Amino acid sequence: MGADQVDASKGALRPGEPDAADVLSLILPSVLDGLAAEGHRSRVSAAWTACRLADERPELGAELADRLVRSADRTPREPLVRTLSSLHERHPESVGDALRAFDGTVVRAVRRADSWDFDAELRADGGGAAVADHQRVVDADAPGVTVYQRQMPDEPTSRDTSSPGSETSSSVDAGVEPSGVDAAGSTDTDRAETTTVEGARKGDPANTDRAETAPVAGTATTESDGADVPDTAVERRRRIQAAENSESFAAVQLVSDFDEVSVVDPPRRGRYGHVLPSRGRIDQAEYGVDLLFFDEPGAETRSFGSTMAKRLRQWYCADEASGIAAVADYGDHPRPWVATPRAETTLADRDPSALGVALRDARELAAGLVAAHERGLVHGGIDPHDVVYPATGFSSEPAPSLSHLGVMTVFRKYFGPAEYVDPRYAAPEYFDDNYGDVDHATDVYHLGAVLFRLFTGEPPYDGDYEVVRESILADGTPCPSDVRPEIPEAVDEVIAKAMAPRKLTRYEAATQLSQSLDRLG
């Protein structure tokens, strides 16, 4: 052995080889970006990069596991624990010691997780191109270092304000059947979000295979504005780069509180606009965020922007309360936007939980609504897509929170509410002015309808638009235990009172609903 060469098994460096801190600082941010990406293969590739690093530099295994665990507040849970499981499988002693330094929740989560089957998942298309399809491994400037290169979404497309869907009608409020044209001025097949309001189109079944399972706001899609987009590395990079070059994203980079922000996945259609999955950095901490750029009306954009900015500020000031989704930042130039922590799922994506967990979640959501009302904020449109579950942490049953606080109270003044409201969860006052205005009592009804979904896994009403409307305006209320017999009668009673058609027979305030839930077993 030469004089300047040392036994690698002792962890010593060879000349020109970077130390562990340099390697981790180069590679870890890209690994975390990949694990936070929405594409499955992007996550697998990032996990493969982490494991390959630990294989090539075993002395980094423990430190890598430690850093991954500490990123749990900003990295999606499922890919994170599977990556830790793979690392532990390859390096049981060093990684095991690192995991045991944390509380038992981490160890239990990793033990229960399936490790990645890289051979199967990266070569599912018959070749190694699966890795490069979303990400690629490139040589770094530093000798002996391999870097996982993140790719880059489309500019949020402007709403077609010349379409019939852009008219500020009040079709839901007036009980009129909504148009088949969606908020972007395109037909039902052009906008995945429209499938969440299936009951709003006469003749369409509102719950074919449960509408919530269709591609909706908050789910990944390979379509942008109706066009099929080839799922290739080149196309993905083009779309991401286009988004980062857009005026909207440039404004966020310029005026936001983030020291740095980058797009990590192509854009998707959200409920109220276009969403850019992103990663923001403040000081030395990085966070996965969703940047939502709101639709804009064809006219009165200035008024809409200023009104939305006021509402977003109210949401921002209320988000420290339990049960309310956090707001990382917001703005109104060149169009209203809000940055929120990445959500892994919404209630619309989930099967019903065990009754104990469902009751815990119901209390959490009610507490969030109480806090919003105490701050003078009306949500205006709660449905399962507004109930978000965090993408981070090691809990297999994370508590939910209410998102989009107050957004619908602005949208219904500038857009036809039918474009954004799922009628199966809408209060009677959305269909008939004789039931009163949309106010705090409307939120109580909407939360009651969401609790029906939370406990049963089904919407409270089903059928065509007219059937749903007539059912909601009728005197009776649906019974959760008819769908799920093990639900206690006391839960039936709470939901029935929350969903009473007439405001005088509902809970007078969200506080009363919250107290009733607290009194349950």
Protein backbone atom coordinates (compact mmCIF):
# COMPACT_ATOMS: atom_id res chain seq x y z
CA MET A 1 0.00 0.00 0.00
CA GLY A 2 1.39 3.42 -0.94
CA ALA A 3 2.31 5.96 1.64
CA ASP A 4 -0.61 8.21 0.82
CA GLN A 5 -3.24 5.44 0.62
CA VAL A 6 -5.06 4.23 3.72
CA ASP A 7 -7.21 1.18 4.41
CA ALA A 8 -10.75 2.21 3.46
CA SER A 9 -12.26 -0.16 6.00
CA LYS A 10 -10.99 2.17 8.74
CA GLY A 11 -13.03 5.03 7.32
CA ALA A 12 -10.01 7.10 6.33
CA LEU A 13 -10.07 9.29 3.26
CA ARG A 14 -8.01 8.81 0.16
CA PRO A 15 -6.38 11.84 -1.42
CA GLY A 16 -8.98 14.03 -3.15
CA GLU A 17 -11.92 12.15 -1.65
CA PRO A 18 -14.49 14.54 -0.05
CA ASP A 19 -15.35 14.08 3.61
CA ALA A 20 -18.75 12.90 4.84
CA ALA A 21 -20.11 16.38 5.53
CA ASP A 22 -19.37 17.49 1.96
CA VAL A 23 -20.95 14.38 0.47
CA LEU A 24 -24.14 14.73 2.52
CA SER A 25 -24.42 18.45 1.81
CA LEU A 26 -24.21 17.72 -1.92
CA ILE A 27 -26.54 14.75 -2.11
CA LEU A 28 -29.05 14.99 0.74
CA PRO A 29 -31.06 17.98 -0.60
CA SER A 30 -31.62 16.17 -3.90
CA VAL A 31 -32.61 12.97 -2.08
CA LEU A 32 -35.16 14.91 0.00
CA ASP A 33 -36.52 16.61 -3.14
CA GLY A 34 -36.97 13.21 -4.75
CA LEU A 35 -38.70 11.68 -1.73
CA ALA A 36 -41.07 14.67 -1.66
CA ALA A 37 -41.89 14.36 -5.37
CA GLU A 38 -45.32 13.07 -6.36
CA GLY A 39 -44.12 10.65 -9.01
CA HIS A 40 -43.62 7.15 -7.61
CA ARG A 41 -40.53 6.45 -9.64
CA SER A 42 -39.05 9.78 -8.57
CA ARG A 43 -39.35 8.64 -4.96
CA VAL A 44 -37.90 5.23 -5.71
CA SER A 45 -34.96 6.79 -7.51
CA ALA A 46 -34.24 9.10 -4.58
CA ALA A 47 -34.36 6.16 -2.17
CA TRP A 48 -32.02 4.20 -4.45
CA THR A 49 -29.59 7.12 -4.44
CA ALA A 50 -29.59 7.21 -0.62
CA CYS A 51 -28.99 3.47 -0.37
CA ARG A 52 -26.29 3.55 -3.03
CA LEU A 53 -24.53 6.30 -1.11
CA ALA A 54 -24.62 4.23 2.10
CA ASP A 55 -23.33 1.20 0.19
CA GLU A 56 -20.42 3.14 -1.31
CA ARG A 57 -19.65 5.03 1.89
CA PRO A 58 -20.77 2.77 4.80
CA GLU A 59 -19.48 5.27 7.36
CA LEU A 60 -22.29 7.60 6.18
CA GLY A 61 -25.11 5.13 6.90
CA ALA A 62 -25.83 6.24 10.47
CA GLU A 63 -25.52 9.96 9.71
CA LEU A 64 -27.71 9.61 6.62
CA ALA A 65 -30.42 7.81 8.63
CA ASP A 66 -30.20 10.44 11.36
CA ARG A 67 -30.60 13.29 8.86
CA LEU A 68 -33.53 11.56 7.15
CA VAL A 69 -35.34 11.08 10.46
CA ARG A 70 -34.80 14.74 11.31
CA SER A 71 -36.37 15.69 7.98
CA ALA A 72 -39.64 13.93 8.91
CA ASP A 73 -41.45 17.24 9.43
CA ARG A 74 -40.99 18.12 5.76
CA THR A 75 -40.76 14.79 3.93
CA PRO A 76 -43.69 12.50 3.02
CA ARG A 77 -44.00 9.67 5.51
CA GLU A 78 -44.38 6.64 3.22
CA PRO A 79 -41.27 7.08 1.04
CA LEU A 80 -39.27 8.23 4.06
CA VAL A 81 -39.94 5.18 6.22
CA ARG A 82 -39.47 2.82 3.28
CA THR A 83 -36.10 4.40 2.57
CA LEU A 84 -35.09 4.07 6.21
CA SER A 85 -36.26 0.44 6.11
CA SER A 86 -34.06 -0.20 3.06
CA LEU A 87 -31.08 1.45 4.74
CA HIS A 88 -31.63 -0.62 7.87
CA GLU A 89 -31.91 -3.78 5.81
CA ARG A 90 -28.55 -3.08 4.16
CA HIS A 91 -26.74 -1.71 7.22
CA PRO A 92 -28.58 -3.08 10.27
CA GLU A 93 -26.02 -2.21 12.93
CA SER A 94 -25.12 1.39 12.12
CA VAL A 95 -28.56 2.43 10.92
CA GLY A 96 -30.25 0.53 13.75
CA ASP A 97 -28.18 2.43 16.32
CA ALA A 98 -29.12 5.71 14.66
CA LEU A 99 -32.83 4.90 14.69
CA ARG A 100 -32.79 3.79 18.33
CA ALA A 101 -31.48 7.21 19.30
CA PHE A 102 -34.99 8.53 18.62
CA ASP A 103 -38.21 7.58 20.34
CA GLY A 104 -39.89 4.23 19.75
CA THR A 105 -42.29 5.70 17.17
CA VAL A 106 -39.51 5.87 14.62
CA VAL A 107 -38.33 2.31 15.17
CA ARG A 108 -41.88 0.92 15.04
CA ALA A 109 -42.68 2.82 11.85
CA VAL A 110 -39.52 1.55 10.12
CA ARG A 111 -40.07 -2.04 11.25
CA ARG A 112 -43.61 -2.03 9.89
CA ALA A 113 -42.61 -0.50 6.55
CA ASP A 114 -41.76 -2.50 3.45
CA SER A 115 -38.32 -1.79 2.07
CA TRP A 116 -38.00 -0.81 -1.59
CA ASP A 117 -37.62 -3.54 -4.19
CA PHE A 118 -35.33 -1.52 -6.43
CA ASP A 119 -34.82 -4.23 -9.03
CA ALA A 120 -38.56 -4.54 -9.60
CA GLU A 121 -39.59 -0.92 -9.20
CA LEU A 122 -36.80 0.80 -11.10
CA ARG A 123 -36.91 -1.67 -13.97
CA ALA A 124 -40.66 -2.05 -14.18
CA ASP A 125 -40.61 -0.79 -17.76
CA GLY A 126 -38.10 -3.41 -18.83
CA GLY A 127 -34.95 -1.39 -18.46
CA GLY A 128 -32.95 1.00 -16.38
CA ALA A 129 -34.61 3.97 -18.09
CA ALA A 130 -37.14 3.98 -15.30
CA VAL A 131 -34.62 5.72 -13.10
CA ALA A 132 -33.84 8.36 -15.64
CA ASP A 133 -37.46 8.88 -16.55
CA HIS A 134 -37.95 11.37 -13.75
CA GLN A 135 -34.47 11.92 -12.35
CA ARG A 136 -30.95 11.19 -13.35
CA VAL A 137 -27.68 10.64 -11.58
CA VAL A 138 -24.91 12.96 -12.70
CA ASP A 139 -21.27 13.44 -11.79
CA ALA A 140 -20.56 16.28 -9.40
CA ASP A 141 -17.57 18.57 -9.57
CA ALA A 142 -16.07 17.07 -6.43
CA PRO A 143 -14.15 13.84 -7.06
CA GLY A 144 -15.85 10.62 -6.05
CA VAL A 145 -19.28 12.19 -5.58
CA THR A 146 -22.47 11.25 -7.40
CA VAL A 147 -25.39 13.68 -7.27
CA TYR A 148 -29.06 12.98 -7.74
CA GLN A 149 -30.33 15.72 -10.05
CA ARG A 150 -33.85 16.99 -9.49
CA GLN A 151 -35.92 17.84 -12.47
CA MET A 152 -37.98 20.79 -12.83
CA PRO A 153 -43.91 22.41 -13.73
CA ASP A 154 -45.82 24.45 -16.29
CA GLU A 155 -46.90 27.99 -15.74
CA PRO A 156 -50.32 27.93 -14.08
CA THR A 157 -52.60 28.48 -17.04
CA SER A 158 -54.89 31.45 -16.92
CA ARG A 159 -58.58 30.83 -16.79
CA ASP A 160 -60.38 31.18 -20.11
CA THR A 161 -62.44 34.15 -19.09
CA SER A 162 -64.32 34.18 -22.37
CA SER A 163 -66.01 30.87 -21.64
CA PRO A 164 -69.46 30.46 -20.16
CA GLY A 165 -67.89 28.92 -17.09
CA SER A 166 -66.28 32.22 -16.20
CA GLU A 167 -69.53 34.08 -15.73
CA THR A 168 -70.22 35.08 -12.15
CA SER A 169 -73.54 33.33 -11.91
CA SER A 170 -75.02 31.90 -8.72
CA SER A 171 -76.38 28.62 -10.02
CA VAL A 172 -75.96 26.66 -6.82
CA ASP A 173 -77.23 29.46 -4.64
CA ALA A 174 -80.31 29.71 -6.81
CA GLY A 175 -80.78 25.98 -7.07
CA VAL A 176 -80.18 26.03 -10.82
CA GLU A 177 -78.45 23.09 -12.45
CA PRO A 178 -74.75 23.89 -12.94
CA SER A 179 -73.22 24.06 -16.37
CA GLY A 180 -71.08 21.26 -17.77
CA VAL A 181 -68.36 23.80 -18.43
CA ASP A 182 -65.81 23.97 -15.66
CA ALA A 183 -63.89 26.78 -14.01
CA ALA A 184 -61.17 26.72 -16.63
CA GLY A 185 -63.65 27.10 -19.44
CA SER A 186 -63.24 23.50 -20.57
CA THR A 187 -65.49 20.49 -20.59
CA ASP A 188 -65.74 17.80 -17.93
CA THR A 189 -63.09 15.66 -19.58
CA ASP A 190 -60.67 18.56 -19.58
CA ARG A 191 -60.60 19.13 -15.86
CA ALA A 192 -60.13 16.30 -13.39
CA GLU A 193 -61.42 18.42 -10.52
CA THR A 194 -64.89 18.52 -12.08
CA THR A 195 -65.38 14.87 -11.17
CA THR A 196 -65.68 15.86 -7.52
CA VAL A 197 -69.00 17.51 -8.33
CA GLU A 198 -70.52 14.69 -10.29
CA GLY A 199 -73.90 15.22 -8.73
CA ALA A 200 -73.95 18.73 -10.12
CA ARG A 201 -74.69 17.54 -13.64
CA LYS A 202 -78.14 16.29 -14.35
CA GLY A 203 -78.14 12.72 -15.56
CA ASP A 204 -74.71 11.88 -14.14
CA PRO A 205 -74.49 9.51 -11.18
CA ALA A 206 -72.99 11.43 -8.26
CA ASN A 207 -71.27 8.41 -6.79
CA THR A 208 -70.18 6.07 -9.54
CA ASP A 209 -67.44 4.06 -7.90
CA ARG A 210 -67.36 6.80 -5.29
CA ALA A 211 -66.54 10.11 -6.96
CA GLU A 212 -63.88 11.01 -4.45
CA THR A 213 -61.59 8.33 -5.88
CA ALA A 214 -61.39 10.05 -9.25
CA PRO A 215 -58.39 12.28 -9.99
CA VAL A 216 -59.09 15.51 -8.13
CA ALA A 217 -57.39 18.42 -6.49
CA GLY A 218 -54.52 17.16 -4.43
CA THR A 219 -53.74 14.13 -6.59
CA ALA A 220 -51.01 13.75 -9.16
CA THR A 221 -51.84 13.70 -12.84
CA THR A 222 -49.87 13.50 -16.03
CA GLU A 223 -52.34 15.80 -17.73
CA SER A 224 -52.17 19.56 -17.97
CA ASP A 225 -55.26 21.40 -19.14
CA GLY A 226 -56.68 18.33 -20.78
CA ALA A 227 -53.72 17.46 -22.98
CA ASP A 228 -52.02 14.11 -22.57
CA VAL A 229 -48.45 14.79 -21.59
CA PRO A 230 -45.84 12.11 -22.33
CA ASP A 231 -44.36 10.98 -19.04
CA THR A 232 -40.77 11.39 -20.14
CA ALA A 233 -37.80 13.02 -18.48
CA VAL A 234 -37.56 15.64 -21.23
CA GLU A 235 -41.22 16.59 -21.04
CA ARG A 236 -41.23 16.71 -17.26
CA ARG A 237 -38.16 18.93 -17.22
CA ARG A 238 -39.75 21.17 -19.82
CA ARG A 239 -42.94 21.57 -17.79
CA ILE A 240 -41.09 22.18 -14.53
CA GLN A 241 -38.73 24.65 -16.15
CA ALA A 242 -41.67 26.44 -17.76
CA ALA A 243 -43.27 26.80 -14.35
CA GLU A 244 -40.09 28.14 -12.78
CA ASN A 245 -39.77 30.64 -15.64
CA SER A 246 -43.37 31.84 -15.29
CA GLU A 247 -44.24 35.32 -14.08
CA SER A 248 -46.31 33.90 -11.23
CA PHE A 249 -43.50 31.75 -9.85
CA ALA A 250 -40.92 34.49 -10.37
CA ALA A 251 -43.05 36.79 -8.20
CA VAL A 252 -43.13 34.20 -5.43
CA GLN A 253 -39.36 33.90 -5.57
CA LEU A 254 -39.04 37.67 -5.35
CA VAL A 255 -41.53 38.56 -2.61
CA SER A 256 -42.05 35.43 -0.52
CA ASP A 257 -40.55 34.80 2.91
CA PHE A 258 -38.58 31.86 1.54
CA ASP A 259 -34.86 32.34 1.11
CA GLU A 260 -35.08 29.96 -1.81
CA VAL A 261 -37.95 28.13 -3.49
CA SER A 262 -37.88 25.59 -6.32
CA VAL A 263 -40.45 23.48 -8.13
CA VAL A 264 -40.08 19.72 -7.66
CA ASP A 265 -42.91 18.30 -9.78
CA PRO A 266 -45.07 19.34 -12.75
CA PRO A 267 -48.18 21.38 -11.95
CA ARG A 268 -51.55 19.83 -11.26
CA ARG A 269 -55.06 21.16 -11.33
CA GLY A 270 -56.23 22.00 -7.80
CA ARG A 271 -59.69 22.79 -6.61
CA TYR A 272 -59.33 26.57 -6.78
CA GLY A 273 -56.52 26.88 -9.29
CA HIS A 274 -53.18 25.37 -10.29
CA VAL A 275 -50.79 23.86 -7.77
CA LEU A 276 -47.00 23.74 -8.06
CA PRO A 277 -45.43 21.12 -5.76
CA SER A 278 -42.37 22.94 -4.45
CA ARG A 279 -39.66 23.03 -1.83
CA GLY A 280 -38.86 26.19 0.10
CA ARG A 281 -35.88 27.00 2.28
CA ILE A 282 -35.85 29.35 5.26
CA ASP A 283 -32.43 29.67 6.89
CA GLN A 284 -31.12 26.11 6.94
CA ALA A 285 -34.51 24.37 7.10
CA GLU A 286 -36.25 23.07 3.98
CA TYR A 287 -39.98 22.49 3.67
CA GLY A 288 -42.21 20.77 1.16
CA VAL A 289 -44.91 23.23 0.11
CA ASP A 290 -47.76 23.42 -2.36
CA LEU A 291 -48.01 26.75 -4.17
CA LEU A 292 -51.65 27.32 -5.13
CA PHE A 293 -52.20 30.01 -7.77
CA PHE A 294 -55.88 30.88 -7.67
CA ASP A 295 -58.17 31.12 -10.68
CA GLU A 296 -59.02 34.69 -11.56
CA PRO A 297 -62.36 36.05 -12.81
CA GLY A 298 -62.62 37.58 -16.24
CA ALA A 299 -63.43 40.95 -14.75
CA GLU A 300 -62.83 42.67 -11.43
CA THR A 301 -59.46 40.98 -11.03
CA ARG A 302 -58.14 43.84 -8.90
CA SER A 303 -61.09 43.64 -6.53
CA PHE A 304 -60.83 39.85 -6.45
CA GLY A 305 -57.10 40.01 -5.65
CA SER A 306 -57.43 42.48 -2.79
CA THR A 307 -60.40 40.60 -1.28
CA MET A 308 -58.57 37.29 -1.52
CA ALA A 309 -55.45 38.78 0.06
CA LYS A 310 -57.50 39.92 3.06
CA ARG A 311 -59.04 36.48 3.42
CA LEU A 312 -55.66 34.76 3.14
CA ARG A 313 -54.31 37.01 5.87
CA GLN A 314 -57.19 35.93 8.13
CA TRP A 315 -56.34 32.30 7.42
CA TYR A 316 -52.65 33.01 8.04
CA CYS A 317 -53.43 34.61 11.43
CA ALA A 318 -55.65 31.68 12.44
CA ASP A 319 -53.39 28.80 11.49
CA GLU A 320 -51.68 28.48 14.86
CA ALA A 321 -54.87 26.88 16.19
CA SER A 322 -55.26 23.12 16.28
CA GLY A 323 -57.21 21.69 13.36
CA ILE A 324 -56.34 24.47 10.87
CA ALA A 325 -53.92 23.89 8.00
CA ALA A 326 -50.87 26.12 8.18
CA VAL A 327 -50.09 28.93 5.75
CA ALA A 328 -46.39 29.29 5.03
CA ASP A 329 -46.81 32.45 2.95
CA TYR A 330 -49.27 34.20 0.64
CA GLY A 331 -49.49 37.11 -1.79
CA ASP A 332 -51.61 38.78 -4.47
CA HIS A 333 -49.13 39.56 -7.26
CA PRO A 334 -49.38 38.95 -10.15
CA ARG A 335 -52.32 36.82 -9.05
CA PRO A 336 -53.42 35.64 -5.59
CA TRP A 337 -51.41 32.69 -4.29
CA VAL A 338 -50.84 30.78 -1.07
CA ALA A 339 -48.12 28.38 0.07
CA THR A 340 -49.18 25.56 2.38
CA PRO A 341 -47.29 22.52 3.70
CA ARG A 342 -47.47 19.53 1.37
CA ALA A 343 -50.46 17.31 2.11
CA GLU A 344 -50.15 13.58 1.51
CA THR A 345 -53.89 12.94 1.26
CA THR A 346 -57.31 14.50 1.76
CA LEU A 347 -60.34 12.89 3.35
CA ALA A 348 -61.64 12.26 -0.17
CA ASP A 349 -58.70 9.90 -0.75
CA ARG A 350 -59.10 7.85 2.41
CA ASP A 351 -61.13 4.87 3.56
CA PRO A 352 -63.01 5.20 6.85
CA SER A 353 -60.82 4.88 9.93
CA ALA A 354 -61.48 2.90 13.08
CA LEU A 355 -64.25 4.55 15.10
CA GLY A 356 -61.85 5.78 17.77
CA VAL A 357 -59.61 7.45 15.19
CA ALA A 358 -62.62 8.90 13.36
CA LEU A 359 -63.90 10.42 16.60
CA ARG A 360 -60.47 11.91 17.32
CA ASP A 361 -60.36 13.41 13.84
CA ALA A 362 -63.91 14.75 14.20
CA ARG A 363 -62.93 16.55 17.40
CA GLU A 364 -59.82 17.97 15.73
CA LEU A 365 -61.81 19.35 12.80
CA ALA A 366 -64.48 20.79 15.07
CA ALA A 367 -61.78 22.49 17.17
CA GLY A 368 -60.36 24.00 13.99
CA LEU A 369 -63.76 25.33 12.95
CA VAL A 370 -64.34 26.80 16.42
CA ALA A 371 -60.98 28.59 16.20
CA ALA A 372 -61.81 29.95 12.73
CA HIS A 373 -65.19 31.28 13.86
CA GLU A 374 -63.69 32.85 16.97
CA ARG A 375 -61.47 34.85 14.61
CA GLY A 376 -64.43 35.97 12.52
CA LEU A 377 -63.61 33.65 9.62
CA VAL A 378 -66.28 31.65 7.75
CA HIS A 379 -64.97 28.75 5.69
CA GLY A 380 -67.93 28.71 3.31
CA GLY A 381 -67.38 25.40 1.53
CA ILE A 382 -66.06 22.56 3.69
CA ASP A 383 -66.04 19.19 1.94
CA PRO A 384 -63.66 16.18 2.00
CA HIS A 385 -61.13 17.93 -0.24
CA ASP A 386 -60.71 20.65 2.39
CA VAL A 387 -59.74 18.10 5.05
CA VAL A 388 -56.02 17.51 4.61
CA TYR A 389 -53.67 15.04 6.25
CA PRO A 390 -49.98 15.93 6.63
CA ALA A 391 -47.42 14.34 4.38
CA THR A 392 -44.80 14.24 7.11
CA GLY A 393 -44.03 12.51 10.38
CA PHE A 394 -44.00 8.88 11.47
CA SER A 395 -47.61 8.51 12.67
CA SER A 396 -49.65 6.07 10.60
CA GLU A 397 -52.84 7.90 11.62
CA PRO A 398 -52.01 11.63 11.47
CA ALA A 399 -54.63 14.10 12.60
CA PRO A 400 -56.35 16.14 9.85
CA SER A 401 -56.84 19.88 9.53
CA LEU A 402 -59.13 22.25 7.65
CA SER A 403 -57.68 23.93 4.58
CA HIS A 404 -58.79 26.77 2.26
CA LEU A 405 -60.28 28.78 5.10
CA GLY A 406 -62.48 31.55 3.75
CA VAL A 407 -61.54 30.94 0.11
CA MET A 408 -65.04 29.91 -0.93
CA THR A 409 -66.58 33.03 0.64
CA VAL A 410 -64.57 35.02 -1.91
CA PHE A 411 -65.01 32.67 -4.86
CA ARG A 412 -68.79 32.58 -4.63
CA LYS A 413 -68.87 36.35 -5.20
CA TYR A 414 -66.85 36.18 -8.42
CA PHE A 415 -67.58 32.72 -9.85
CA GLY A 416 -70.54 30.42 -10.15
CA PRO A 417 -70.40 28.39 -6.90
CA ALA A 418 -71.34 25.24 -8.81
CA GLU A 419 -67.88 25.32 -10.35
CA TYR A 420 -66.25 24.78 -6.96
CA VAL A 421 -68.83 23.33 -4.54
CA ASP A 422 -69.62 19.62 -4.31
CA PRO A 423 -73.43 19.64 -3.97
CA ARG A 424 -73.49 16.40 -1.97
CA TYR A 425 -71.98 18.30 0.98
CA ALA A 426 -73.63 21.69 0.36
CA ALA A 427 -76.02 23.22 2.87
CA PRO A 428 -79.64 23.98 1.88
CA GLU A 429 -78.91 27.72 1.77
CA TYR A 430 -76.65 27.06 -1.21
CA PHE A 431 -79.71 25.84 -3.13
CA ASP A 432 -82.51 28.06 -1.81
CA ASP A 433 -82.26 31.59 -0.43
CA ASN A 434 -85.25 30.87 1.81
CA TYR A 435 -82.89 28.90 4.06
CA GLY A 436 -80.83 32.00 4.80
CA ASP A 437 -77.39 33.31 3.98
CA VAL A 438 -74.12 31.42 3.83
CA ASP A 439 -72.61 32.04 7.27
CA HIS A 440 -71.25 30.31 10.38
CA ALA A 441 -74.27 28.00 10.52
CA THR A 442 -73.47 26.89 6.96
CA ASP A 443 -70.05 25.74 8.17
CA VAL A 444 -71.73 23.70 10.90
CA TYR A 445 -73.83 21.90 8.29
CA HIS A 446 -70.86 21.34 6.00
CA LEU A 447 -68.77 19.93 8.84
CA GLY A 448 -71.63 17.61 9.76
CA ALA A 449 -71.72 16.34 6.17
CA VAL A 450 -67.95 15.85 6.23
CA LEU A 451 -68.24 13.93 9.51
CA PHE A 452 -70.72 11.63 7.78
CA ARG A 453 -68.02 10.91 5.20
CA LEU A 454 -65.37 10.58 7.91
CA PHE A 455 -67.27 7.89 9.81
CA THR A 456 -68.80 6.01 6.88
CA GLY A 457 -66.51 6.49 3.89
CA GLU A 458 -69.52 7.59 1.83
CA PRO A 459 -71.07 11.00 0.98
CA PRO A 460 -74.29 11.80 2.84
CA TYR A 461 -76.29 12.03 -0.40
CA ASP A 462 -76.09 10.27 -3.73
CA GLY A 463 -77.72 10.46 -7.14
CA ASP A 464 -78.21 13.01 -9.89
CA TYR A 465 -78.11 16.71 -9.15
CA GLU A 466 -81.87 17.08 -8.74
CA VAL A 467 -82.05 14.01 -6.51
CA VAL A 468 -79.28 15.39 -4.30
CA ARG A 469 -80.88 18.82 -4.17
CA GLU A 470 -84.31 17.46 -3.23
CA SER A 471 -82.80 15.21 -0.57
CA ILE A 472 -80.90 18.08 1.01
CA LEU A 473 -83.97 20.33 1.06
CA ALA A 474 -86.15 17.60 2.58
CA ASP A 475 -86.88 17.50 6.31
CA GLY A 476 -84.93 14.35 7.13
CA THR A 477 -81.18 13.79 7.51
CA PRO A 478 -79.09 10.73 6.58
CA CYS A 479 -78.10 8.28 9.30
CA PRO A 480 -74.44 7.17 9.40
CA SER A 481 -75.24 3.87 11.11
CA ASP A 482 -77.37 2.86 8.11
CA VAL A 483 -74.09 2.73 6.18
CA ARG A 484 -71.88 1.45 8.99
CA PRO A 485 -73.95 -0.33 11.64
CA GLU A 486 -71.29 -0.26 14.37
CA ILE A 487 -71.50 3.56 14.57
CA PRO A 488 -73.05 4.48 17.94
CA GLU A 489 -76.45 6.13 18.07
CA ALA A 490 -74.89 9.14 19.79
CA VAL A 491 -72.78 9.83 16.70
CA ASP A 492 -75.92 9.59 14.54
CA GLU A 493 -77.58 12.19 16.73
CA VAL A 494 -74.67 14.64 16.61
CA ILE A 495 -74.41 14.47 12.82
CA ALA A 496 -78.17 14.71 12.37
CA LYS A 497 -78.31 17.90 14.45
CA ALA A 498 -75.35 19.42 12.60
CA MET A 499 -77.01 18.63 9.24
CA ALA A 500 -80.48 19.85 10.14
CA PRO A 501 -81.91 21.60 7.04
CA ARG A 502 -83.23 24.58 9.02
CA LYS A 503 -80.68 26.71 10.84
CA LEU A 504 -82.94 27.02 13.89
CA THR A 505 -82.67 23.28 14.51
CA ARG A 506 -78.91 23.00 13.91
CA TYR A 507 -76.26 23.62 16.49
CA GLU A 508 -76.25 27.36 17.03
CA ALA A 509 -72.46 27.47 16.89
CA ALA A 510 -69.49 25.28 16.10
CA THR A 511 -68.65 25.40 19.81
CA GLN A 512 -71.79 23.40 20.61
CA LEU A 513 -70.94 20.82 17.97
CA SER A 514 -67.43 20.53 19.37
CA GLN A 515 -68.75 20.10 22.90
CA SER A 516 -71.14 17.36 21.77
CA LEU A 517 -68.26 15.47 20.16
CA ASP A 518 -66.17 15.84 23.32
CA ARG A 519 -68.98 14.26 25.35
CA LEU A 520 -68.95 11.12 23.22
CA GLY A 521 -67.03 8.11 24.55
